[in-house]
PDB file of N, CA and C in Angstrom:
ATOM      1  N   MET A   1      -1.887  34.391  40.696  1.00  0.00           N
ATOM      2  CA  MET A   1      -0.643  33.801  40.244  1.00  0.00           C
ATOM      3  C   MET A   1      -0.704  32.276  40.307  1.00  0.00           C
ATOM      4  N   GLU A   2      -1.338  31.772  41.357  1.00  0.00           N
ATOM      5  CA  GLU A   2      -1.466  30.334  41.523  1.00  0.00           C
ATOM      6  C   GLU A   2      -2.284  29.709  40.388  1.00  0.00           C
ATOM      7  N   GLU A   3      -3.312  30.414  39.918  1.00  0.00           N
ATOM      8  CA  GLU A   3      -4.113  29.921  38.800  1.00  0.00           C
ATOM      9  C   GLU A   3      -3.297  29.876  37.504  1.00  0.00           C
ATOM     10  N   LEU A   4      -2.438  30.845  37.300  1.00  0.00           N
ATOM     11  CA  LEU A   4      -1.599  30.871  36.109  1.00  0.00           C
ATOM     12  C   LEU A   4      -0.638  29.685  36.096  1.00  0.00           C
ATOM     13  N   ILE A   5      -0.023  29.393  37.208  1.00  0.00           N
ATOM     14  CA  ILE A   5       0.887  28.247  37.308  1.00  0.00           C
ATOM     15  C   ILE A   5       0.115  26.952  37.082  1.00  0.00           C
ATOM     16  N   SER A   6      -1.035  26.843  37.665  1.00  0.00           N
ATOM     17  CA  SER A   6      -1.875  25.673  37.494  1.00  0.00           C
ATOM     18  C   SER A   6      -2.289  25.512  36.029  1.00  0.00           C
ATOM     19  N   PHE A   7      -2.669  26.588  35.368  1.00  0.00           N
ATOM     20  CA  PHE A   7      -3.037  26.565  33.963  1.00  0.00           C
ATOM     21  C   PHE A   7      -1.847  26.133  33.098  1.00  0.00           C
ATOM     22  N   LEU A   8      -0.669  26.671  33.359  1.00  0.00           N
ATOM     23  CA  LEU A   8       0.523  26.307  32.599  1.00  0.00           C
ATOM     24  C   LEU A   8       0.888  24.840  32.781  1.00  0.00           C
ATOM     25  N   LEU A   9       0.740  24.310  33.989  1.00  0.00           N
ATOM     26  CA  LEU A   9       1.016  22.890  34.220  1.00  0.00           C
ATOM     27  C   LEU A   9       0.047  22.004  33.427  1.00  0.00           C
ATOM     28  N   TYR A  10      -1.224  22.359  33.417  1.00  0.00           N
ATOM     29  CA  TYR A  10      -2.203  21.612  32.632  1.00  0.00           C
ATOM     30  C   TYR A  10      -1.909  21.727  31.138  1.00  0.00           C
ATOM     31  N   ALA A  11      -1.500  22.911  30.700  1.00  0.00           N
ATOM     32  CA  ALA A  11      -1.190  23.105  29.282  1.00  0.00           C
ATOM     33  C   ALA A  11       0.009  22.251  28.873  1.00  0.00           C
ATOM     34  N   VAL A  12       1.041  22.207  29.712  1.00  0.00           N
ATOM     35  CA  VAL A  12       2.216  21.389  29.413  1.00  0.00           C
ATOM     36  C   VAL A  12       1.835  19.912  29.421  1.00  0.00           C
ATOM     37  N   PHE A  13       1.040  19.485  30.394  1.00  0.00           N
ATOM     38  CA  PHE A  13       0.588  18.101  30.458  1.00  0.00           C
ATOM     39  C   PHE A  13      -0.221  17.750  29.208  1.00  0.00           C
ATOM     40  N   PHE A  14      -1.139  18.615  28.807  1.00  0.00           N
ATOM     41  CA  PHE A  14      -1.959  18.390  27.623  1.00  0.00           C
ATOM     42  C   PHE A  14      -1.077  18.304  26.373  1.00  0.00           C
ATOM     43  N   TYR A  15      -0.106  19.195  26.256  1.00  0.00           N
ATOM     44  CA  TYR A  15       0.806  19.170  25.116  1.00  0.00           C
ATOM     45  C   TYR A  15       1.572  17.848  25.051  1.00  0.00           C
ATOM     46  N   LEU A  16       2.111  17.397  26.164  1.00  0.00           N
ATOM     47  CA  LEU A  16       2.890  16.158  26.188  1.00  0.00           C
ATOM     48  C   LEU A  16       2.030  14.947  25.819  1.00  0.00           C
ATOM     49  N   ILE A  17       0.819  14.906  26.334  1.00  0.00           N
ATOM     50  CA  ILE A  17      -0.083  13.799  25.997  1.00  0.00           C
ATOM     51  C   ILE A  17      -0.402  13.816  24.513  1.00  0.00           C
ATOM     52  N   MET A  18      -0.740  14.960  23.968  1.00  0.00           N
ATOM     53  CA  MET A  18      -1.093  15.046  22.557  1.00  0.00           C
ATOM     54  C   MET A  18       0.117  14.782  21.661  1.00  0.00           C
ATOM     55  N   ARG A  19       1.267  15.201  22.069  1.00  0.00           N
ATOM     56  CA  ARG A  19       2.466  15.060  21.239  1.00  0.00           C
ATOM     57  C   ARG A  19       2.979  13.633  21.206  1.00  0.00           C
ATOM     58  N   PHE A  20       3.042  12.988  22.362  1.00  0.00           N
ATOM     59  CA  PHE A  20       3.701  11.690  22.444  1.00  0.00           C
ATOM     60  C   PHE A  20       2.759  10.496  22.572  1.00  0.00           C
ATOM     61  N   VAL A  21       1.492  10.719  22.837  1.00  0.00           N
ATOM     62  CA  VAL A  21       0.573   9.595  22.996  1.00  0.00           C
ATOM     63  C   VAL A  21      -0.499   9.627  21.907  1.00  0.00           C
ATOM     64  N   CYS A  22      -1.388  10.585  21.982  1.00  0.00           N
ATOM     65  CA  CYS A  22      -2.537  10.617  21.068  1.00  0.00           C
ATOM     66  C   CYS A  22      -2.158  11.033  19.650  1.00  0.00           C
ATOM     67  N   GLY A  23      -1.369  12.047  19.505  1.00  0.00           N
ATOM     68  CA  GLY A  23      -1.081  12.578  18.187  1.00  0.00           C
ATOM     69  C   GLY A  23       0.130  11.970  17.500  1.00  0.00           C
ATOM     70  N   ALA A  24       0.825  11.073  18.160  1.00  0.00           N
ATOM     71  CA  ALA A  24       2.051  10.522  17.580  1.00  0.00           C
ATOM     72  C   ALA A  24       1.785   9.765  16.290  1.00  0.00           C
ATOM     73  N   HIS A  25       0.655   9.064  16.206  1.00  0.00           N
ATOM     74  CA  HIS A  25       0.365   8.309  14.990  1.00  0.00           C
ATOM     75  C   HIS A  25       0.043   9.218  13.815  1.00  0.00           C
ATOM     76  N   MET A  26      -0.404  10.425  14.089  1.00  0.00           N
ATOM     77  CA  MET A  26      -0.719  11.350  13.011  1.00  0.00           C
ATOM     78  C   MET A  26       0.560  11.871  12.349  1.00  0.00           C
ATOM     79  N   ILE A  27       1.609  12.004  13.111  1.00  0.00           N
ATOM     80  CA  ILE A  27       2.871  12.503  12.581  1.00  0.00           C
ATOM     81  C   ILE A  27       3.661  11.383  11.926  1.00  0.00           C
ATOM     82  N   HIS A  28       3.728  10.241  12.587  1.00  0.00           N
ATOM     83  CA  HIS A  28       4.579   9.158  12.122  1.00  0.00           C
ATOM     84  C   HIS A  28       3.844   8.107  11.298  1.00  0.00           C
ATOM     85  N   GLY A  29       2.566   8.212  11.179  1.00  0.00           N
ATOM     86  CA  GLY A  29       1.796   7.237  10.408  1.00  0.00           C
ATOM     87  C   GLY A  29       1.407   6.038  11.244  1.00  0.00           C
ATOM     88  N   SER A  30       0.521   5.263  10.717  1.00  0.00           N
ATOM     89  CA  SER A  30       0.043   4.070  11.404  1.00  0.00           C
ATOM     90  C   SER A  30       1.119   2.993  11.390  1.00  0.00           C
ATOM     91  N   HIS A  31       1.203   2.245  12.459  1.00  0.00           N
ATOM     92  CA  HIS A  31       2.198   1.180  12.553  1.00  0.00           C
ATOM     93  C   HIS A  31       1.598  -0.175  12.212  1.00  0.00           C
ATOM     94  N   ARG A  32       0.325  -0.225  11.848  1.00  0.00           N
ATOM     95  CA  ARG A  32      -0.329  -1.503  11.577  1.00  0.00           C
ATOM     96  C   ARG A  32       0.254  -2.220  10.373  1.00  0.00           C
ATOM     97  N   ASN A  33       0.588  -1.511   9.311  1.00  0.00           N
ATOM     98  CA  ASN A  33       1.041  -2.148   8.075  1.00  0.00           C
ATOM     99  C   ASN A  33       2.552  -2.138   7.909  1.00  0.00           C
ATOM    100  N   ARG A  34       3.273  -1.834   8.945  1.00  0.00           N
ATOM    101  CA  ARG A  34       4.725  -1.770   8.845  1.00  0.00           C
ATOM    102  C   ARG A  34       5.298  -3.161   8.610  1.00  0.00           C
ATOM    103  N   GLY A  35       6.165  -3.281   7.621  1.00  0.00           N
ATOM    104  CA  GLY A  35       6.813  -4.547   7.328  1.00  0.00           C
ATOM    105  C   GLY A  35       5.997  -5.470   6.436  1.00  0.00           C
ATOM    106  N   VAL A  36       4.800  -5.079   6.063  1.00  0.00           N
ATOM    107  CA  VAL A  36       3.963  -5.915   5.213  1.00  0.00           C
ATOM    108  C   VAL A  36       4.054  -5.384   3.792  1.00  0.00           C
ATOM    109  N   SER A  37       4.525  -6.216   2.888  1.00  0.00           N
ATOM    110  CA  SER A  37       4.624  -5.765   1.509  1.00  0.00           C
ATOM    111  C   SER A  37       3.326  -6.074   0.786  1.00  0.00           C
ATOM    112  N   LYS A  38       2.968  -5.227  -0.135  1.00  0.00           N
ATOM    113  CA  LYS A  38       1.760  -5.438  -0.915  1.00  0.00           C
ATOM    114  C   LYS A  38       2.045  -6.462  -1.999  1.00  0.00           C
ATOM    115  N   THR A  39       1.027  -7.219  -2.324  1.00  0.00           N
ATOM    116  CA  THR A  39       1.191  -8.234  -3.345  1.00  0.00           C
ATOM    117  C   THR A  39       0.148  -8.053  -4.432  1.00  0.00           C
ATOM    118  N   ALA A  40       0.455  -8.610  -5.580  1.00  0.00           N
ATOM    119  CA  ALA A  40      -0.468  -8.630  -6.712  1.00  0.00           C
ATOM    120  C   ALA A  40      -0.628 -10.087  -7.126  1.00  0.00           C
ATOM    121  N   ILE A  41      -1.682 -10.360  -7.868  1.00  0.00           N
ATOM    122  CA  ILE A  41      -1.927 -11.714  -8.347  1.00  0.00           C
ATOM    123  C   ILE A  41      -1.514 -11.800  -9.812  1.00  0.00           C
ATOM    124  N   ASP A  42      -0.676 -12.771 -10.109  1.00  0.00           N
ATOM    125  CA  ASP A  42      -0.262 -13.032 -11.491  1.00  0.00           C
ATOM    126  C   ASP A  42      -1.501 -13.489 -12.266  1.00  0.00           C
ATOM    127  N   PRO A  43      -1.905 -12.752 -13.324  1.00  0.00           N
ATOM    128  CA  PRO A  43      -3.120 -13.128 -14.048  1.00  0.00           C
ATOM    129  C   PRO A  43      -3.001 -14.438 -14.820  1.00  0.00           C
ATOM    130  N   VAL A  44      -1.796 -14.913 -15.057  1.00  0.00           N
ATOM    131  CA  VAL A  44      -1.605 -16.147 -15.830  1.00  0.00           C
ATOM    132  C   VAL A  44      -1.718 -17.378 -14.937  1.00  0.00           C
ATOM    133  N   CYS A  45      -0.956 -17.412 -13.850  1.00  0.00           N
ATOM    134  CA  CYS A  45      -0.927 -18.619 -13.017  1.00  0.00           C
ATOM    135  C   CYS A  45      -1.643 -18.459 -11.679  1.00  0.00           C
ATOM    136  N   GLY A  46      -1.999 -17.220 -11.312  1.00  0.00           N
ATOM    137  CA  GLY A  46      -2.716 -16.991 -10.061  1.00  0.00           C
ATOM    138  C   GLY A  46      -1.843 -16.889  -8.831  1.00  0.00           C
ATOM    139  N   MET A  47      -0.543 -16.887  -9.006  1.00  0.00           N
ATOM    140  CA  MET A  47       0.392 -16.812  -7.891  1.00  0.00           C
ATOM    141  C   MET A  47       0.469 -15.390  -7.344  1.00  0.00           C
ATOM    142  N   GLU A  48       0.705 -15.255  -6.029  1.00  0.00           N
ATOM    143  CA  GLU A  48       0.918 -13.935  -5.439  1.00  0.00           C
ATOM    144  C   GLU A  48       2.339 -13.480  -5.741  1.00  0.00           C
ATOM    145  N   VAL A  49       2.475 -12.201  -6.130  1.00  0.00           N
ATOM    146  CA  VAL A  49       3.780 -11.644  -6.466  1.00  0.00           C
ATOM    147  C   VAL A  49       3.939 -10.333  -5.698  1.00  0.00           C
ATOM    148  N   ALA A  50       5.028 -10.194  -4.944  1.00  0.00           N
ATOM    149  CA  ALA A  50       5.296  -8.962  -4.219  1.00  0.00           C
ATOM    150  C   ALA A  50       5.549  -7.827  -5.207  1.00  0.00           C
ATOM    151  N   GLN A  51       5.205  -6.606  -4.807  1.00  0.00           N
ATOM    152  CA  GLN A  51       5.333  -5.452  -5.693  1.00  0.00           C
ATOM    153  C   GLN A  51       6.775  -5.188  -6.118  1.00  0.00           C
ATOM    154  N   ASP A  52       7.732  -5.622  -5.318  1.00  0.00           N
ATOM    155  CA  ASP A  52       9.132  -5.382  -5.670  1.00  0.00           C
ATOM    156  C   ASP A  52       9.808  -6.622  -6.274  1.00  0.00           C
ATOM    157  N   LYS A  53       9.033  -7.636  -6.625  1.00  0.00           N
ATOM    158  CA  LYS A  53       9.582  -8.870  -7.191  1.00  0.00           C
ATOM    159  C   LYS A  53       8.950  -9.152  -8.550  1.00  0.00           C
ATOM    160  N   GLY A  54       9.512 -10.099  -9.259  1.00  0.00           N
ATOM    161  CA  GLY A  54       8.930 -10.565 -10.510  1.00  0.00           C
ATOM    162  C   GLY A  54       9.052  -9.560 -11.646  1.00  0.00           C
ATOM    163  N   PHE A  55       8.121  -9.651 -12.578  1.00  0.00           N
ATOM    164  CA  PHE A  55       8.105  -8.816 -13.774  1.00  0.00           C
ATOM    165  C   PHE A  55       6.801  -8.036 -13.810  1.00  0.00           C
ATOM    166  N   SER A  56       6.831  -6.878 -14.451  1.00  0.00           N
ATOM    167  CA  SER A  56       5.598  -6.086 -14.559  1.00  0.00           C
ATOM    168  C   SER A  56       5.385  -5.658 -16.000  1.00  0.00           C
ATOM    169  N   LYS A  57       4.141  -5.381 -16.318  1.00  0.00           N
ATOM    170  CA  LYS A  57       3.779  -4.926 -17.662  1.00  0.00           C
ATOM    171  C   LYS A  57       2.600  -3.985 -17.530  1.00  0.00           C
ATOM    172  N   MET A  58       2.672  -2.863 -18.236  1.00  0.00           N
ATOM    173  CA  MET A  58       1.537  -1.948 -18.326  1.00  0.00           C
ATOM    174  C   MET A  58       0.691  -2.377 -19.516  1.00  0.00           C
ATOM    175  N   TYR A  59      -0.603  -2.541 -19.291  1.00  0.00           N
ATOM    176  CA  TYR A  59      -1.511  -2.945 -20.363  1.00  0.00           C
ATOM    177  C   TYR A  59      -2.803  -2.153 -20.204  1.00  0.00           C
ATOM    178  N   HIS A  60      -3.090  -1.311 -21.161  1.00  0.00           N
ATOM    179  CA  HIS A  60      -4.286  -0.450 -21.150  1.00  0.00           C
ATOM    180  C   HIS A  60      -4.416   0.328 -19.842  1.00  0.00           C
ATOM    181  N   GLY A  61      -3.306   0.892 -19.393  1.00  0.00           N
ATOM    182  CA  GLY A  61      -3.321   1.758 -18.213  1.00  0.00           C
ATOM    183  C   GLY A  61      -3.268   1.041 -16.880  1.00  0.00           C
ATOM    184  N   ASN A  62      -3.195  -0.273 -16.873  1.00  0.00           N
ATOM    185  CA  ASN A  62      -3.099  -1.034 -15.627  1.00  0.00           C
ATOM    186  C   ASN A  62      -1.770  -1.774 -15.583  1.00  0.00           C
ATOM    187  N   GLU A  63      -1.200  -1.844 -14.390  1.00  0.00           N
ATOM    188  CA  GLU A  63       0.048  -2.585 -14.229  1.00  0.00           C
ATOM    189  C   GLU A  63      -0.277  -3.999 -13.750  1.00  0.00           C
ATOM    190  N   TYR A  64       0.290  -4.978 -14.409  1.00  0.00           N
ATOM    191  CA  TYR A  64       0.138  -6.370 -14.031  1.00  0.00           C
ATOM    192  C   TYR A  64       1.500  -6.911 -13.646  1.00  0.00           C
ATOM    193  N   ARG A  65       1.539  -7.752 -12.595  1.00  0.00           N
ATOM    194  CA  ARG A  65       2.796  -8.340 -12.125  1.00  0.00           C
ATOM    195  C   ARG A  65       2.780  -9.825 -12.412  1.00  0.00           C
ATOM    196  N   PHE A  66       3.957 -10.341 -12.770  1.00  0.00           N
ATOM    197  CA  PHE A  66       4.108 -11.738 -13.158  1.00  0.00           C
ATOM    198  C   PHE A  66       5.216 -12.376 -12.339  1.00  0.00           C
ATOM    199  N   CYS A  67       5.023 -13.640 -11.990  1.00  0.00           N
ATOM    200  CA  CYS A  67       6.008 -14.340 -11.161  1.00  0.00           C
ATOM    201  C   CYS A  67       7.246 -14.728 -11.955  1.00  0.00           C
ATOM    202  N   SER A  68       7.108 -14.911 -13.264  1.00  0.00           N
ATOM    203  CA  SER A  68       8.245 -15.353 -14.077  1.00  0.00           C
ATOM    204  C   SER A  68       8.145 -14.766 -15.481  1.00  0.00           C
ATOM    205  N   ARG A  69       9.241 -14.867 -16.193  1.00  0.00           N
ATOM    206  CA  ARG A  69       9.264 -14.379 -17.572  1.00  0.00           C
ATOM    207  C   ARG A  69       8.327 -15.211 -18.452  1.00  0.00           C
ATOM    208  N   SER A  70       8.200 -16.500 -18.172  1.00  0.00           N
ATOM    209  CA  SER A  70       7.316 -17.331 -19.001  1.00  0.00           C
ATOM    210  C   SER A  70       5.855 -16.904 -18.853  1.00  0.00           C
ATOM    211  N   CYS A  71       5.435 -16.514 -17.653  1.00  0.00           N
ATOM    212  CA  CYS A  71       4.067 -16.007 -17.485  1.00  0.00           C
ATOM    213  C   CYS A  71       3.894 -14.687 -18.232  1.00  0.00           C
ATOM    214  N   LEU A  72       4.904 -13.847 -18.205  1.00  0.00           N
ATOM    215  CA  LEU A  72       4.850 -12.581 -18.945  1.00  0.00           C
ATOM    216  C   LEU A  72       4.730 -12.837 -20.447  1.00  0.00           C
ATOM    217  N   ILE A  73       5.469 -13.792 -20.969  1.00  0.00           N
ATOM    218  CA  ILE A  73       5.414 -14.113 -22.399  1.00  0.00           C
ATOM    219  C   ILE A  73       4.038 -14.674 -22.770  1.00  0.00           C
ATOM    220  N   LYS A  74       3.489 -15.551 -21.936  1.00  0.00           N
ATOM    221  CA  LYS A  74       2.149 -16.086 -22.189  1.00  0.00           C
ATOM    222  C   LYS A  74       1.121 -14.956 -22.222  1.00  0.00           C
ATOM    223  N   PHE A  75       1.248 -14.004 -21.291  1.00  0.00           N
ATOM    224  CA  PHE A  75       0.333 -12.868 -21.261  1.00  0.00           C
ATOM    225  C   PHE A  75       0.477 -12.022 -22.522  1.00  0.00           C
ATOM    226  N   ASP A  76       1.716 -11.767 -22.939  1.00  0.00           N
ATOM    227  CA  ASP A  76       1.957 -10.981 -24.159  1.00  0.00           C
ATOM    228  C   ASP A  76       1.336 -11.630 -25.386  1.00  0.00           C
ATOM    229  N   ASP A  77       1.357 -12.955 -25.432  1.00  0.00           N
ATOM    230  CA  ASP A  77       0.803 -13.665 -26.582  1.00  0.00           C
ATOM    231  C   ASP A  77      -0.718 -13.543 -26.660  1.00  0.00           C
ATOM    232  N   SER A  78      -1.385 -13.532 -25.513  1.00  0.00           N
ATOM    233  CA  SER A  78      -2.852 -13.521 -25.523  1.00  0.00           C
ATOM    234  C   SER A  78      -3.401 -12.883 -24.236  1.00  0.00           C
ATOM    235  N   PRO A  79      -3.336 -11.542 -24.091  1.00  0.00           N
ATOM    236  CA  PRO A  79      -3.782 -10.905 -22.850  1.00  0.00           C
ATOM    237  C   PRO A  79      -5.278 -11.093 -22.572  1.00  0.00           C
ATOM    238  N   GLY A  80      -6.102 -11.090 -23.598  1.00  0.00           N
ATOM    239  CA  GLY A  80      -7.540 -11.235 -23.391  1.00  0.00           C
ATOM    240  C   GLY A  80      -7.922 -12.555 -22.759  1.00  0.00           C
ATOM    241  N   LYS A  81      -7.126 -13.569 -22.986  1.00  0.00           N
ATOM    242  CA  LYS A  81      -7.374 -14.897 -22.423  1.00  0.00           C
ATOM    243  C   LYS A  81      -7.282 -14.872 -20.897  1.00  0.00           C
ATOM    244  N   TYR A  82      -6.434 -13.993 -20.350  1.00  0.00           N
ATOM    245  CA  TYR A  82      -6.168 -13.969 -18.930  1.00  0.00           C
ATOM    246  C   TYR A  82      -6.887 -12.848 -18.189  1.00  0.00           C
ATOM    247  N   LEU A  83      -7.475 -11.901 -18.894  1.00  0.00           N
ATOM    248  CA  LEU A  83      -8.070 -10.745 -18.227  1.00  0.00           C
ATOM    249  C   LEU A  83      -9.593 -10.707 -18.247  1.00  0.00           C
ATOM    250  N   ASN A  84     -10.265 -11.610 -18.924  1.00  0.00           N
ATOM    251  CA  ASN A  84     -11.726 -11.603 -19.020  1.00  0.00           C
ATOM    252  C   ASN A  84     -12.232 -10.242 -19.470  1.00  0.00           C
ATOM    253  N   LEU A  85     -11.758  -9.822 -20.630  1.00  0.00           N
ATOM    254  CA  LEU A  85     -12.099  -8.490 -21.125  1.00  0.00           C
ATOM    255  C   LEU A  85     -13.510  -8.404 -21.704  1.00  0.00           C
ATOM    256  N   ASP A  86     -14.126  -9.498 -22.019  1.00  0.00           N
ATOM    257  CA  ASP A  86     -15.474  -9.524 -22.586  1.00  0.00           C
ATOM    258  C   ASP A  86     -15.585  -8.632 -23.818  1.00  0.00           C
ATOM    259  N   GLY A  87     -14.515  -8.500 -24.562  1.00  0.00           N
ATOM    260  CA  GLY A  87     -14.541  -7.716 -25.783  1.00  0.00           C
ATOM    261  C   GLY A  87     -14.545  -6.221 -25.570  1.00  0.00           C
ATOM    262  N   ASP A  88     -14.516  -5.761 -24.331  1.00  0.00           N
ATOM    263  CA  ASP A  88     -14.574  -4.329 -24.046  1.00  0.00           C
ATOM    264  C   ASP A  88     -13.269  -3.878 -23.434  1.00  0.00           C
ATOM    265  N   ILE A  89     -12.444  -3.198 -24.218  1.00  0.00           N
ATOM    266  CA  ILE A  89     -11.160  -2.688 -23.720  1.00  0.00           C
ATOM    267  C   ILE A  89     -11.287  -1.182 -23.578  1.00  0.00           C
ATOM    268  N   THR A  90     -10.982  -0.697 -22.371  1.00  0.00           N
ATOM    269  CA  THR A  90     -11.035   0.757 -22.143  1.00  0.00           C
ATOM    270  C   THR A  90      -9.659   1.289 -21.880  1.00  0.00           C
TER     271      THR A  90
END
C-alpha cells in the first residue's frame, strides 16, 4: 500500500511539472514573439511597413505592402522596375 501511495505522489508531481512548467509552452505557444508585429519592405522606397498598416497589392501571387498610396501608384505604373524580375514572371 505504501508503494502505491508513493507512486501516486510521484505521478501527481510529474503531471504538475509537465502541465505547468515543461509542457505549458506547447499548449499556449512560445512567448518569444509576443507583441512583435511582422513587417514587410516597401519595394518602391525601401521603408518597413507593418502587416496591419499601409496599402497592399497582390502581384503574380505575391502580396506587396506599401507605406503610402503614392508608392502603390508608382508600383502600379511600373512593377518590373521595383521587383528585379529579369524578364521572368512566374
